[in-house]
Amino acid sequence: MKRLCKLPLFREGYIFREGYSVNDGIRSEIIRLTDLIASSEGINTLDLATRRGKSKPTVERYLKLAKLLGVIEFSGAPKTGGYYLTKKMKKKLKE
């Protein structure tokens, strides 16, 4: 998780779209979810919500932001698919 915090898109004040920034609470949740996805690729929303102790709609909001940031992607059928790190994110983590 420490490597994730060092990436520019997870730093304080990062603006992912004009006029929008990610506050500390949201950023830390996205980092935690990204860490879970990295360790359990293919995990679904319900499993993520259970592991984080959050509601499914709350986790879905965080995942939506993470997708907008280009950190994760969804692959598979809507009911059986899961979340994976993007190739770009995997490359940045290896650096």
N, C-alpha and C. Protein backbone atom coordinates (compact mmCIF):
# COMPACT_ATOMS: atom_id res chain seq x y z
N MET A 1 0.82 -1.19 0.00
CA MET A 1 0.00 0.00 0.00
C MET A 1 0.87 1.25 0.00
N LYS A 2 2.05 1.19 0.58
CA LYS A 2 2.93 2.36 0.61
C LYS A 2 3.32 2.80 -0.80
N ARG A 3 3.51 1.81 -1.70
CA ARG A 3 3.86 2.16 -3.08
C ARG A 3 2.71 2.92 -3.75
N LEU A 4 1.49 2.54 -3.45
CA LEU A 4 0.33 3.23 -4.03
C LEU A 4 0.28 4.68 -3.61
N CYS A 5 0.58 4.95 -2.35
CA CYS A 5 0.52 6.32 -1.82
C CYS A 5 1.52 7.25 -2.50
N LYS A 6 2.59 6.70 -3.04
CA LYS A 6 3.62 7.52 -3.67
C LYS A 6 3.28 7.93 -5.10
N LEU A 7 2.31 7.26 -5.71
CA LEU A 7 1.92 7.60 -7.08
C LEU A 7 1.23 8.95 -7.11
N PRO A 8 1.50 9.77 -8.14
CA PRO A 8 0.92 11.12 -8.21
C PRO A 8 -0.60 11.16 -8.07
N LEU A 9 -1.30 10.19 -8.64
CA LEU A 9 -2.75 10.25 -8.60
C LEU A 9 -3.32 9.98 -7.22
N PHE A 10 -2.49 9.51 -6.29
CA PHE A 10 -2.96 9.28 -4.93
C PHE A 10 -2.44 10.33 -3.96
N ARG A 11 -1.77 11.35 -4.46
CA ARG A 11 -1.26 12.41 -3.59
C ARG A 11 -2.33 13.44 -3.31
N GLU A 12 -2.17 14.13 -2.21
CA GLU A 12 -3.12 15.15 -1.80
C GLU A 12 -3.24 16.23 -2.87
N GLY A 13 -4.47 16.62 -3.15
CA GLY A 13 -4.71 17.70 -4.10
C GLY A 13 -4.71 17.28 -5.55
N TYR A 14 -4.57 15.97 -5.83
CA TYR A 14 -4.59 15.52 -7.21
C TYR A 14 -5.96 15.81 -7.81
N ILE A 15 -5.97 16.43 -8.97
CA ILE A 15 -7.22 16.76 -9.65
C ILE A 15 -7.38 15.78 -10.81
N PHE A 16 -8.43 14.96 -10.73
CA PHE A 16 -8.59 13.96 -11.77
C PHE A 16 -9.47 14.42 -12.91
N ARG A 17 -10.25 15.45 -12.69
CA ARG A 17 -11.02 16.10 -13.74
C ARG A 17 -11.11 17.56 -13.39
N GLU A 18 -11.17 18.39 -14.37
CA GLU A 18 -11.22 19.83 -14.11
C GLU A 18 -12.36 20.17 -13.15
N GLY A 19 -12.01 20.82 -12.06
CA GLY A 19 -13.00 21.23 -11.08
C GLY A 19 -13.29 20.19 -10.01
N TYR A 20 -12.69 19.02 -10.11
CA TYR A 20 -12.93 17.96 -9.12
C TYR A 20 -11.61 17.49 -8.53
N SER A 21 -11.59 17.33 -7.24
CA SER A 21 -10.42 16.75 -6.60
C SER A 21 -10.89 15.64 -5.67
N VAL A 22 -9.97 14.82 -5.23
CA VAL A 22 -10.29 13.70 -4.35
C VAL A 22 -9.84 14.06 -2.95
N ASN A 23 -10.76 14.04 -1.97
CA ASN A 23 -10.37 14.39 -0.61
C ASN A 23 -9.65 13.22 0.06
N ASP A 24 -9.10 13.47 1.24
CA ASP A 24 -8.28 12.47 1.93
C ASP A 24 -9.03 11.17 2.23
N GLY A 25 -10.26 11.27 2.69
CA GLY A 25 -11.03 10.08 3.04
C GLY A 25 -11.30 9.20 1.83
N ILE A 26 -11.71 9.82 0.75
CA ILE A 26 -11.99 9.08 -0.48
C ILE A 26 -10.69 8.49 -1.04
N ARG A 27 -9.65 9.29 -1.04
CA ARG A 27 -8.36 8.82 -1.55
C ARG A 27 -7.87 7.61 -0.77
N SER A 28 -7.98 7.64 0.54
CA SER A 28 -7.50 6.52 1.35
C SER A 28 -8.35 5.27 1.10
N GLU A 29 -9.65 5.42 0.89
CA GLU A 29 -10.50 4.27 0.58
C GLU A 29 -10.15 3.69 -0.79
N ILE A 30 -9.89 4.55 -1.77
CA ILE A 30 -9.51 4.07 -3.10
C ILE A 30 -8.19 3.31 -3.01
N ILE A 31 -7.27 3.80 -2.21
CA ILE A 31 -5.98 3.12 -2.03
C ILE A 31 -6.21 1.75 -1.41
N ARG A 32 -7.04 1.68 -0.39
CA ARG A 32 -7.32 0.39 0.27
C ARG A 32 -7.99 -0.59 -0.69
N LEU A 33 -8.96 -0.10 -1.45
CA LEU A 33 -9.64 -0.97 -2.42
C LEU A 33 -8.67 -1.44 -3.50
N THR A 34 -7.83 -0.53 -3.97
CA THR A 34 -6.85 -0.89 -4.99
C THR A 34 -5.88 -1.94 -4.46
N ASP A 35 -5.50 -1.80 -3.21
CA ASP A 35 -4.62 -2.78 -2.58
C ASP A 35 -5.30 -4.15 -2.51
N LEU A 36 -6.57 -4.17 -2.14
CA LEU A 36 -7.33 -5.43 -2.11
C LEU A 36 -7.44 -6.06 -3.49
N ILE A 37 -7.70 -5.23 -4.49
CA ILE A 37 -7.83 -5.72 -5.86
C ILE A 37 -6.50 -6.27 -6.35
N ALA A 38 -5.40 -5.60 -6.00
CA ALA A 38 -4.07 -6.06 -6.40
C ALA A 38 -3.76 -7.43 -5.79
N SER A 39 -4.20 -7.65 -4.58
CA SER A 39 -3.91 -8.92 -3.92
C SER A 39 -4.92 -10.01 -4.25
N SER A 40 -6.10 -9.62 -4.77
CA SER A 40 -7.15 -10.60 -5.11
C SER A 40 -7.79 -10.20 -6.43
N GLU A 41 -7.03 -10.22 -7.50
CA GLU A 41 -7.59 -9.79 -8.79
C GLU A 41 -8.78 -10.65 -9.16
N GLY A 42 -9.81 -10.00 -9.71
CA GLY A 42 -11.04 -10.68 -10.08
C GLY A 42 -12.09 -10.62 -8.99
N ILE A 43 -11.78 -9.93 -7.91
CA ILE A 43 -12.72 -9.80 -6.78
C ILE A 43 -13.93 -8.97 -7.21
N ASN A 44 -15.10 -9.33 -6.69
CA ASN A 44 -16.30 -8.59 -7.08
C ASN A 44 -16.67 -7.53 -6.03
N THR A 45 -17.66 -6.73 -6.36
CA THR A 45 -18.04 -5.60 -5.51
C THR A 45 -18.50 -6.05 -4.13
N LEU A 46 -19.30 -7.09 -4.07
CA LEU A 46 -19.82 -7.55 -2.79
C LEU A 46 -18.70 -8.03 -1.86
N ASP A 47 -17.73 -8.75 -2.42
CA ASP A 47 -16.58 -9.19 -1.61
C ASP A 47 -15.76 -8.01 -1.12
N LEU A 48 -15.57 -7.02 -1.98
CA LEU A 48 -14.84 -5.82 -1.57
C LEU A 48 -15.58 -5.09 -0.44
N ALA A 49 -16.89 -4.97 -0.57
CA ALA A 49 -17.69 -4.29 0.44
C ALA A 49 -17.61 -5.04 1.78
N THR A 50 -17.68 -6.35 1.72
CA THR A 50 -17.60 -7.16 2.94
C THR A 50 -16.25 -7.01 3.61
N ARG A 51 -15.19 -7.08 2.83
CA ARG A 51 -13.84 -6.96 3.39
C ARG A 51 -13.56 -5.58 3.97
N ARG A 52 -14.13 -4.55 3.38
CA ARG A 52 -13.92 -3.18 3.86
C ARG A 52 -14.92 -2.77 4.93
N GLY A 53 -15.98 -3.55 5.11
CA GLY A 53 -16.99 -3.20 6.10
C GLY A 53 -17.82 -2.00 5.68
N LYS A 54 -18.00 -1.83 4.38
CA LYS A 54 -18.77 -0.72 3.82
C LYS A 54 -19.97 -1.28 3.08
N SER A 55 -20.94 -0.42 2.78
CA SER A 55 -22.09 -0.87 2.01
C SER A 55 -21.68 -1.02 0.54
N LYS A 56 -22.42 -1.83 -0.17
CA LYS A 56 -22.13 -2.04 -1.59
C LYS A 56 -22.21 -0.74 -2.40
N PRO A 57 -23.26 0.11 -2.19
CA PRO A 57 -23.31 1.37 -2.94
C PRO A 57 -22.11 2.29 -2.66
N THR A 58 -21.64 2.31 -1.42
CA THR A 58 -20.48 3.13 -1.09
C THR A 58 -19.25 2.65 -1.83
N VAL A 59 -19.03 1.35 -1.81
CA VAL A 59 -17.88 0.76 -2.52
C VAL A 59 -18.01 1.00 -4.02
N GLU A 60 -19.22 0.92 -4.55
CA GLU A 60 -19.42 1.18 -5.98
C GLU A 60 -19.03 2.61 -6.35
N ARG A 61 -19.30 3.57 -5.47
CA ARG A 61 -18.89 4.96 -5.72
C ARG A 61 -17.37 5.08 -5.77
N TYR A 62 -16.69 4.43 -4.83
CA TYR A 62 -15.22 4.45 -4.82
C TYR A 62 -14.66 3.77 -6.07
N LEU A 63 -15.26 2.66 -6.46
CA LEU A 63 -14.78 1.94 -7.64
C LEU A 63 -14.98 2.78 -8.91
N LYS A 64 -16.08 3.51 -8.95
CA LYS A 64 -16.34 4.39 -10.11
C LYS A 64 -15.22 5.43 -10.24
N LEU A 65 -14.83 6.02 -9.12
CA LEU A 65 -13.73 6.99 -9.14
C LEU A 65 -12.42 6.34 -9.55
N ALA A 66 -12.16 5.16 -9.01
CA ALA A 66 -10.92 4.44 -9.35
C ALA A 66 -10.88 4.12 -10.84
N LYS A 67 -12.04 3.80 -11.42
CA LYS A 67 -12.09 3.55 -12.87
C LYS A 67 -11.83 4.83 -13.64
N LEU A 68 -12.41 5.95 -13.18
CA LEU A 68 -12.16 7.24 -13.84
C LEU A 68 -10.69 7.62 -13.79
N LEU A 69 -10.03 7.26 -12.70
CA LEU A 69 -8.60 7.55 -12.55
C LEU A 69 -7.72 6.61 -13.39
N GLY A 70 -8.32 5.56 -13.92
CA GLY A 70 -7.56 4.61 -14.73
C GLY A 70 -6.76 3.62 -13.90
N VAL A 71 -7.18 3.40 -12.67
CA VAL A 71 -6.46 2.52 -11.76
C VAL A 71 -6.94 1.08 -11.91
N ILE A 72 -8.25 0.91 -12.05
CA ILE A 72 -8.83 -0.43 -12.15
C ILE A 72 -9.73 -0.52 -13.36
N GLU A 73 -10.10 -1.76 -13.69
CA GLU A 73 -11.05 -2.00 -14.76
C GLU A 73 -11.89 -3.20 -14.38
N PHE A 74 -13.09 -3.26 -14.92
CA PHE A 74 -13.98 -4.39 -14.68
C PHE A 74 -13.90 -5.30 -15.88
N SER A 75 -13.83 -6.59 -15.63
CA SER A 75 -13.78 -7.55 -16.73
C SER A 75 -14.73 -8.70 -16.44
N GLY A 76 -15.45 -9.12 -17.45
CA GLY A 76 -16.37 -10.25 -17.31
C GLY A 76 -17.81 -9.81 -17.38
N ALA A 77 -18.68 -10.78 -17.14
CA ALA A 77 -20.12 -10.52 -17.14
C ALA A 77 -20.50 -9.70 -15.92
N PRO A 78 -21.57 -8.89 -16.03
CA PRO A 78 -21.96 -8.05 -14.89
C PRO A 78 -22.19 -8.81 -13.58
N LYS A 79 -22.73 -10.00 -13.64
CA LYS A 79 -23.00 -10.74 -12.41
C LYS A 79 -21.82 -11.55 -11.90
N THR A 80 -20.95 -11.97 -12.80
CA THR A 80 -19.87 -12.88 -12.38
C THR A 80 -18.47 -12.31 -12.57
N GLY A 81 -18.36 -11.14 -13.17
CA GLY A 81 -17.05 -10.55 -13.42
C GLY A 81 -16.43 -9.96 -12.17
N GLY A 82 -15.25 -9.38 -12.35
CA GLY A 82 -14.56 -8.79 -11.21
C GLY A 82 -13.65 -7.66 -11.63
N TYR A 83 -12.96 -7.10 -10.64
CA TYR A 83 -12.09 -5.95 -10.85
C TYR A 83 -10.63 -6.36 -10.92
N TYR A 84 -9.90 -5.68 -11.79
CA TYR A 84 -8.48 -5.94 -12.01
C TYR A 84 -7.75 -4.61 -12.09
N LEU A 85 -6.47 -4.62 -11.78
CA LEU A 85 -5.66 -3.43 -12.00
C LEU A 85 -5.47 -3.25 -13.50
N THR A 86 -5.41 -2.02 -13.95
CA THR A 86 -5.15 -1.76 -15.37
C THR A 86 -3.67 -2.05 -15.65
N LYS A 87 -3.36 -2.28 -16.91
CA LYS A 87 -1.96 -2.52 -17.30
C LYS A 87 -1.09 -1.33 -16.92
N LYS A 88 -1.64 -0.14 -17.09
CA LYS A 88 -0.92 1.09 -16.75
C LYS A 88 -0.58 1.11 -15.26
N MET A 89 -1.53 0.72 -14.42
CA MET A 89 -1.31 0.71 -12.97
C MET A 89 -0.28 -0.34 -12.58
N LYS A 90 -0.37 -1.52 -13.18
CA LYS A 90 0.60 -2.58 -12.88
C LYS A 90 2.01 -2.13 -13.23
N LYS A 91 2.12 -1.43 -14.37
CA LYS A 91 3.44 -0.92 -14.80
C LYS A 91 3.97 0.10 -13.80
N LYS A 92 3.11 1.00 -13.33
CA LYS A 92 3.55 2.02 -12.37
C LYS A 92 3.96 1.40 -11.04
N LEU A 93 3.30 0.33 -10.63
CA LEU A 93 3.64 -0.32 -9.38
C LEU A 93 4.99 -1.05 -9.45
N LYS A 94 5.36 -1.48 -10.66
CA LYS A 94 6.63 -2.18 -10.83
C LYS A 94 7.82 -1.21 -10.81
N GLU A 95 7.55 0.06 -11.12
CA GLU A 95 8.63 1.06 -11.17
C GLU A 95 9.21 1.35 -9.80
